[in-house]
Amino acid sequence: MKEYVKIVWDHDNEDKPTVIYLELDINRFNTRKIELYRKDKFGFADKNQSFNNTYLFKDAFPSLEVYNTMDSKLQINWAEGPQAYSIPIREFNMVWNLFMFKKNE
């Protein structure tokens, strides 16, 4: 069964995403990913495509409980701030479809 995650990170660095959406497979590897940045920049990736320098994570994504602790954030070089939440499939698909459309504008 797939899981859907939204990571929110409030910061001022324009080179880092402020929101990341992930679709995770049963082994917690991401199969689709959307990154949203300040100033209307976005990127996405799946196993067949990558847009705007967004790529799938190579490692399995930890549980939300583990991710939301300081130790797991330090492992991916995010010293503080981001929080991960479980979201429904319809929210992920709505965002995915919106940005598939936007890339063609």
C-alpha atoms as a PDB file:
ATOM      1  CA  MET A   1       0.000   0.000   0.000  1.00  0.00           C
ATOM      2  CA  LYS A   2       1.352   3.419  -0.918  1.00  0.00           C
ATOM      3  CA  GLU A   3       1.763   6.238   1.554  1.00  0.00           C
ATOM      4  CA  TYR A   4       1.638   9.964   0.834  1.00  0.00           C
ATOM      5  CA  VAL A   5       3.704  12.519   2.737  1.00  0.00           C
ATOM      6  CA  LYS A   6       3.904  16.298   2.779  1.00  0.00           C
ATOM      7  CA  ILE A   7       7.034  17.938   4.217  1.00  0.00           C
ATOM      8  CA  VAL A   8       6.752  21.603   5.170  1.00  0.00           C
ATOM      9  CA  TRP A   9       9.875  23.654   5.826  1.00  0.00           C
ATOM     10  CA  ASP A  10       9.635  27.355   6.712  1.00  0.00           C
ATOM     11  CA  HIS A  11      12.921  29.042   5.771  1.00  0.00           C
ATOM     12  CA  ASP A  12      14.311  31.872   3.625  1.00  0.00           C
ATOM     13  CA  ASN A  13      16.698  29.944   1.341  1.00  0.00           C
ATOM     14  CA  GLU A  14      15.400  30.276  -2.239  1.00  0.00           C
ATOM     15  CA  ASP A  15      17.513  27.290  -3.338  1.00  0.00           C
ATOM     16  CA  LYS A  16      15.750  24.821  -1.021  1.00  0.00           C
ATOM     17  CA  PRO A  17      12.129  23.668  -1.292  1.00  0.00           C
ATOM     18  CA  THR A  18       9.572  24.909   1.213  1.00  0.00           C
ATOM     19  CA  VAL A  19       7.160  22.024   0.539  1.00  0.00           C
ATOM     20  CA  ILE A  20       7.873  18.494  -0.687  1.00  0.00           C
ATOM     21  CA  TYR A  21       5.208  15.944  -1.595  1.00  0.00           C
ATOM     22  CA  LEU A  22       6.178  12.266  -1.691  1.00  0.00           C
ATOM     23  CA  GLU A  23       4.501   9.093  -2.859  1.00  0.00           C
ATOM     24  CA  LEU A  24       6.102   6.149  -1.038  1.00  0.00           C
ATOM     25  CA  ASP A  25       5.893   2.477  -1.957  1.00  0.00           C
ATOM     26  CA  ILE A  26       5.479  -0.349   0.553  1.00  0.00           C
ATOM     27  CA  ASN A  27       9.228  -0.293   1.273  1.00  0.00           C
ATOM     28  CA  ARG A  28       9.135   3.511   1.781  1.00  0.00           C
ATOM     29  CA  PHE A  29      11.026   4.361  -1.404  1.00  0.00           C
ATOM     30  CA  ASN A  30       9.597   7.399  -3.148  1.00  0.00           C
ATOM     31  CA  THR A  31       8.003   6.747  -6.508  1.00  0.00           C
ATOM     32  CA  ARG A  32       6.857  10.307  -7.222  1.00  0.00           C
ATOM     33  CA  LYS A  33       8.057  13.593  -5.757  1.00  0.00           C
ATOM     34  CA  ILE A  34       7.080  17.269  -6.075  1.00  0.00           C
ATOM     35  CA  GLU A  35       9.174  20.153  -4.731  1.00  0.00           C
ATOM     36  CA  LEU A  36       7.778  23.663  -4.302  1.00  0.00           C
ATOM     37  CA  TYR A  37      10.077  26.655  -3.884  1.00  0.00           C
ATOM     38  CA  ARG A  38       9.638  30.339  -3.250  1.00  0.00           C
ATOM     39  CA  LYS A  39       8.898  32.590  -6.247  1.00  0.00           C
ATOM     40  CA  ASP A  40       6.646  30.034  -8.002  1.00  0.00           C
ATOM     41  CA  LYS A  41       9.494  27.623  -8.821  1.00  0.00           C
ATOM     42  CA  PHE A  42       8.733  23.901  -8.741  1.00  0.00           C
ATOM     43  CA  GLY A  43      10.176  20.563  -9.723  1.00  0.00           C
ATOM     44  CA  PHE A  44       9.018  16.970  -9.847  1.00  0.00           C
ATOM     45  CA  ALA A  45      10.281  13.485 -10.519  1.00  0.00           C
ATOM     46  CA  ASP A  46       9.134   9.922 -10.973  1.00  0.00           C
ATOM     47  CA  LYS A  47      10.927   6.821 -12.234  1.00  0.00           C
ATOM     48  CA  ASN A  48      10.567   7.985 -15.860  1.00  0.00           C
ATOM     49  CA  GLN A  49      11.184  11.715 -15.689  1.00  0.00           C
ATOM     50  CA  SER A  50      12.788  14.561 -13.788  1.00  0.00           C
ATOM     51  CA  PHE A  51      11.913  18.244 -14.101  1.00  0.00           C
ATOM     52  CA  ASN A  52      13.815  21.284 -12.847  1.00  0.00           C
ATOM     53  CA  ASN A  53      16.585  19.320 -11.081  1.00  0.00           C
ATOM     54  CA  THR A  54      14.240  17.344  -8.831  1.00  0.00           C
ATOM     55  CA  TYR A  55      15.171  13.705  -8.306  1.00  0.00           C
ATOM     56  CA  LEU A  56      13.815  10.808  -6.280  1.00  0.00           C
ATOM     57  CA  PHE A  57      15.560  10.043  -2.993  1.00  0.00           C
ATOM     58  CA  LYS A  58      17.944   7.089  -3.286  1.00  0.00           C
ATOM     59  CA  ASP A  59      17.239   5.821   0.221  1.00  0.00           C
ATOM     60  CA  ALA A  60      14.012   4.708   1.840  1.00  0.00           C
ATOM     61  CA  PHE A  61      12.150   7.492   3.624  1.00  0.00           C
ATOM     62  CA  PRO A  62      11.994   6.954   7.409  1.00  0.00           C
ATOM     63  CA  SER A  63       8.750   6.734   9.337  1.00  0.00           C
ATOM     64  CA  LEU A  64       7.132  10.079  10.115  1.00  0.00           C
ATOM     65  CA  GLU A  65       7.952   9.628  13.789  1.00  0.00           C
ATOM     66  CA  VAL A  66      11.645   9.077  13.043  1.00  0.00           C
ATOM     67  CA  TYR A  67      11.789  11.825  10.404  1.00  0.00           C
ATOM     68  CA  ASN A  68      10.235  14.383  12.729  1.00  0.00           C
ATOM     69  CA  THR A  69      13.058  13.980  15.267  1.00  0.00           C
ATOM     70  CA  MET A  70      16.225  16.068  15.178  1.00  0.00           C
ATOM     71  CA  ASP A  71      18.511  13.068  14.576  1.00  0.00           C
ATOM     72  CA  SER A  72      16.869  12.122  11.283  1.00  0.00           C
ATOM     73  CA  LYS A  73      16.958  15.734  10.052  1.00  0.00           C
ATOM     74  CA  LEU A  74      20.672  15.984  10.730  1.00  0.00           C
ATOM     75  CA  GLN A  75      21.232  12.875   8.600  1.00  0.00           C
ATOM     76  CA  ILE A  76      19.895  14.718   5.558  1.00  0.00           C
ATOM     77  CA  ASN A  77      21.552  18.037   6.431  1.00  0.00           C
ATOM     78  CA  TRP A  78      18.417  19.834   7.580  1.00  0.00           C
ATOM     79  CA  ALA A  79      19.390  21.146  10.973  1.00  0.00           C
ATOM     80  CA  GLU A  80      15.912  22.315  11.970  1.00  0.00           C
ATOM     81  CA  GLY A  81      12.485  23.159  10.762  1.00  0.00           C
ATOM     82  CA  PRO A  82      10.928  20.654   8.380  1.00  0.00           C
ATOM     83  CA  GLN A  83       7.969  18.609   9.542  1.00  0.00           C
ATOM     84  CA  ALA A  84       6.451  15.652   7.705  1.00  0.00           C
ATOM     85  CA  TYR A  85       2.734  14.832   7.660  1.00  0.00           C
ATOM     86  CA  SER A  86       0.663  12.026   6.241  1.00  0.00           C
ATOM     87  CA  ILE A  87      -1.752  13.233   3.547  1.00  0.00           C
ATOM     88  CA  PRO A  88      -4.538  11.549   1.578  1.00  0.00           C
ATOM     89  CA  ILE A  89      -3.905  10.243  -1.936  1.00  0.00           C
ATOM     90  CA  ARG A  90      -6.372  12.762  -3.384  1.00  0.00           C
ATOM     91  CA  GLU A  91      -4.304  15.697  -2.069  1.00  0.00           C
ATOM     92  CA  PHE A  92      -1.109  14.261  -3.575  1.00  0.00           C
ATOM     93  CA  ASN A  93      -2.786  13.547  -6.923  1.00  0.00           C
ATOM     94  CA  MET A  94      -4.352  17.002  -7.055  1.00  0.00           C
ATOM     95  CA  VAL A  95      -0.923  18.640  -6.590  1.00  0.00           C
ATOM     96  CA  TRP A  96       0.771  16.200  -8.995  1.00  0.00           C
ATOM     97  CA  ASN A  97      -1.801  16.844 -11.730  1.00  0.00           C
ATOM     98  CA  LEU A  98      -1.616  20.610 -11.229  1.00  0.00           C
ATOM     99  CA  PHE A  99       2.145  20.674 -11.738  1.00  0.00           C
ATOM    100  CA  MET A 100       2.035  18.261 -14.671  1.00  0.00           C
ATOM    101  CA  PHE A 101      -0.260  20.818 -16.285  1.00  0.00           C
ATOM    102  CA  LYS A 102       1.902  23.815 -15.234  1.00  0.00           C
ATOM    103  CA  LYS A 103       5.067  22.354 -16.766  1.00  0.00           C
ATOM    104  CA  ASN A 104       3.367  22.508 -20.166  1.00  0.00           C
ATOM    105  CA  GLU A 105       2.400  26.174 -19.882  1.00  0.00           C
END
